[in-house]
N, C-alpha and C. Protein backbone atom coordinates (compact mmCIF):
# COMPACT_ATOMS: atom_id res chain seq x y z
N MET A 1 7.53 13.12 1.32
CA MET A 1 7.08 11.63 1.17
C MET A 1 6.40 11.20 2.13
N PHE A 2 5.51 9.97 1.61
CA PHE A 2 4.73 9.27 2.38
C PHE A 2 5.55 7.94 3.05
N CYS A 3 4.81 7.65 3.81
CA CYS A 3 4.55 6.12 4.20
C CYS A 3 4.24 5.21 3.59
N ALA A 4 4.64 4.13 3.30
CA ALA A 4 4.61 3.07 2.70
C ALA A 4 3.04 2.07 3.11
N ASN A 5 2.76 2.50 4.04
CA ASN A 5 2.67 1.54 5.23
C ASN A 5 0.92 1.98 4.96
N CYS A 6 0.70 4.05 5.65
CA CYS A 6 -0.07 4.45 6.13
C CYS A 6 -0.72 5.32 4.95
N TYR A 7 0.25 5.97 4.16
CA TYR A 7 0.18 7.32 3.45
C TYR A 7 -0.16 8.36 4.44
N LYS A 8 0.72 8.30 5.07
CA LYS A 8 0.62 9.25 5.92
C LYS A 8 1.82 9.95 5.10
N GLU A 9 2.18 11.49 4.75
CA GLU A 9 3.20 12.41 4.48
C GLU A 9 3.90 11.82 5.47
N ILE A 10 5.33 12.21 5.56
CA ILE A 10 7.26 12.66 6.94
C ILE A 10 7.39 13.38 6.89
N PRO A 11 7.39 14.54 8.06
CA PRO A 11 7.74 15.63 7.71
C PRO A 11 9.81 15.27 6.89
N ALA A 12 10.13 16.85 6.30
CA ALA A 12 11.12 16.99 6.31
C ALA A 12 12.42 16.97 7.59
N GLY A 13 12.47 15.96 6.75
CA GLY A 13 13.97 16.52 8.62
C GLY A 13 13.37 15.75 9.63
N LYS A 14 12.28 14.68 9.92
CA LYS A 14 12.10 13.71 10.47
C LYS A 14 12.80 12.19 10.43
N SER A 15 13.14 11.15 11.07
CA SER A 15 13.85 10.22 10.92
C SER A 15 12.41 9.37 10.40
N TYR A 16 12.84 8.84 9.78
CA TYR A 16 11.96 7.74 9.31
C TYR A 16 13.01 5.87 8.85
N TYR A 17 12.32 4.56 8.28
CA TYR A 17 12.87 3.58 8.51
C TYR A 17 12.28 3.36 6.64
N LYS A 18 13.32 2.09 6.63
CA LYS A 18 13.52 3.12 5.44
C LYS A 18 13.54 0.72 4.74
N HIS A 19 13.01 0.14 4.44
CA HIS A 19 13.25 -0.88 3.19
C HIS A 19 14.32 -0.88 2.83
N GLN A 20 15.04 -2.14 2.98
CA GLN A 20 16.69 -2.52 2.77
C GLN A 20 16.77 -3.08 1.21
N ASP A 21 15.79 -3.45 0.66
CA ASP A 21 14.94 -4.03 -0.23
C ASP A 21 13.91 -3.12 -1.40
N THR A 22 13.05 -2.10 -1.14
CA THR A 22 12.41 -2.00 -2.00
C THR A 22 12.81 -0.76 -1.45
N ASN A 23 13.36 0.10 -1.07
CA ASN A 23 14.15 1.35 -0.44
C ASN A 23 12.67 1.32 0.27
N GLN A 24 11.10 1.29 0.49
CA GLN A 24 10.31 2.38 0.35
C GLN A 24 10.68 2.58 2.26
N SER A 25 9.74 3.51 2.00
CA SER A 25 9.47 4.84 3.49
C SER A 25 8.14 4.55 4.90
N TYR A 26 9.04 4.36 5.59
CA TYR A 26 7.85 4.27 7.11
C TYR A 26 7.74 4.65 7.98
N CYS A 27 7.06 6.25 8.51
CA CYS A 27 6.95 6.91 9.80
C CYS A 27 7.25 6.38 10.77
N SER A 28 6.72 4.69 10.81
CA SER A 28 7.14 3.84 12.38
C SER A 28 7.50 2.78 12.71
N LEU A 29 8.17 1.90 12.65
CA LEU A 29 8.35 1.08 13.13
C LEU A 29 6.69 0.57 13.04
N ASP A 30 6.67 0.57 13.75
CA ASP A 30 4.60 0.48 13.47
C ASP A 30 4.18 -0.31 12.31
N CYS A 31 4.67 1.12 12.15
CA CYS A 31 3.65 0.96 10.01
C CYS A 31 5.05 -0.26 9.71
N LEU A 32 5.89 -0.39 9.73
CA LEU A 32 7.42 -1.44 8.84
C LEU A 32 6.82 -3.29 9.62
N ASN A 33 6.27 -2.74 10.14
CA ASN A 33 6.15 -4.28 10.82
C ASN A 33 4.81 -4.84 10.53
N ASP A 34 3.52 -4.02 10.73
CA ASP A 34 2.86 -3.96 9.66
C ASP A 34 2.33 -4.33 8.68
N HIS A 35 4.08 -3.65 7.87
CA HIS A 35 3.46 -3.76 5.89
C HIS A 35 4.73 -5.25 6.25
N MET A 36 5.50 -5.90 7.25
CA MET A 36 6.27 -7.21 6.69
C MET A 36 5.12 -8.04 7.03
N ILE A 37 4.04 -8.14 7.87
CA ILE A 37 3.55 -9.50 8.71
C ILE A 37 2.50 -9.46 7.47
N TYR A 38 1.90 -8.28 7.47
CA TYR A 38 1.26 -7.96 5.61
C TYR A 38 2.32 -9.14 4.61
N THR A 39 3.34 -8.58 4.32
CA THR A 39 4.12 -9.07 2.92
C THR A 39 3.91 -11.06 3.16
N HIS A 40 4.39 -10.98 4.30
CA HIS A 40 5.47 -11.77 3.98
C HIS A 40 4.73 -13.57 5.22
N VAL A 41 4.00 -12.53 6.20
CA VAL A 41 3.54 -14.19 6.20
C VAL A 41 2.57 -15.41 5.59
N LEU A 42 2.73 -14.99 5.16
CA LEU A 42 2.46 -16.89 4.22
C LEU A 42 2.86 -17.74 3.90
N THR A 43 4.53 -16.71 3.34
CA THR A 43 5.57 -17.27 3.47
C THR A 43 6.72 -18.05 4.51
N ILE A 44 6.03 -17.01 5.62
CA ILE A 44 6.72 -17.57 7.10
C ILE A 44 5.58 -18.61 7.69
N GLU A 45 5.04 -18.94 7.23
CA GLU A 45 4.02 -20.42 8.08
C GLU A 45 3.88 -21.50 7.08
N THR A 46 3.97 -20.76 5.96
CA THR A 46 4.09 -22.40 4.67
C THR A 46 5.51 -22.50 5.33
N SER A 47 7.11 -22.30 5.43
CA SER A 47 7.86 -22.57 6.09
C SER A 47 8.59 -22.90 7.10
N GLU A 48 7.38 -22.64 8.61
CA GLU A 48 7.62 -23.03 9.61
C GLU A 48 6.50 -24.76 9.56
N GLY A 49 5.17 -24.44 8.93
CA GLY A 49 4.94 -25.79 8.16
C GLY A 49 6.14 -26.91 8.16
N GLU A 50 6.97 -26.88 7.17
CA GLU A 50 7.33 -28.20 6.47
C GLU A 50 8.35 -28.38 7.39
N GLU A 51 8.98 -27.20 8.00
CA GLU A 51 10.14 -27.39 9.03
C GLU A 51 9.35 -28.11 9.92
N SER A 52 8.37 -28.00 10.69
CA SER A 52 7.55 -28.70 11.63
C SER A 52 7.28 -29.64 11.88
N THR A 53 6.62 -29.70 10.28
CA THR A 53 6.57 -31.39 9.84
C THR A 53 7.40 -32.20 9.38
N GLU A 54 8.58 -31.88 8.52
CA GLU A 54 9.85 -32.74 8.52
C GLU A 54 10.55 -32.88 9.43
N GLU A 55 10.19 -32.42 11.08
CA GLU A 55 10.91 -32.54 11.98
C GLU A 55 10.34 -34.00 12.92
N GLN A 56 8.75 -33.37 12.43
CA GLN A 56 8.64 -35.61 13.55
C GLN A 56 7.79 -36.53 12.26
N ASP A 57 8.56 -36.27 11.07
CA ASP A 57 8.52 -37.37 10.79
C ASP A 57 10.03 -37.86 10.88
N ASN A 58 11.05 -36.97 11.38
CA ASN A 58 12.66 -37.65 11.26
C ASN A 58 12.47 -38.06 12.89
N ASP A 59 11.68 -37.81 13.78
CA ASP A 59 10.83 -38.09 15.00
C ASP A 59 11.05 -39.73 15.06
N GLU A 60 9.74 -39.72 14.12
CA GLU A 60 8.96 -41.22 14.50
C GLU A 60 9.95 -42.68 13.69
């Protein structure tokens, strides 16, 4: 089995992290975080920007 982020082999019997939606395996929490930030950052930024704009409009 290989890490979906860094592609290093995850030895048999070693613990690993698994993404619930994609079932991809990650050798460390850092690799899982790196993958999540890379694949979801645009959605997060867009969502926060829209919320921030709506809140500012409501305050005026």
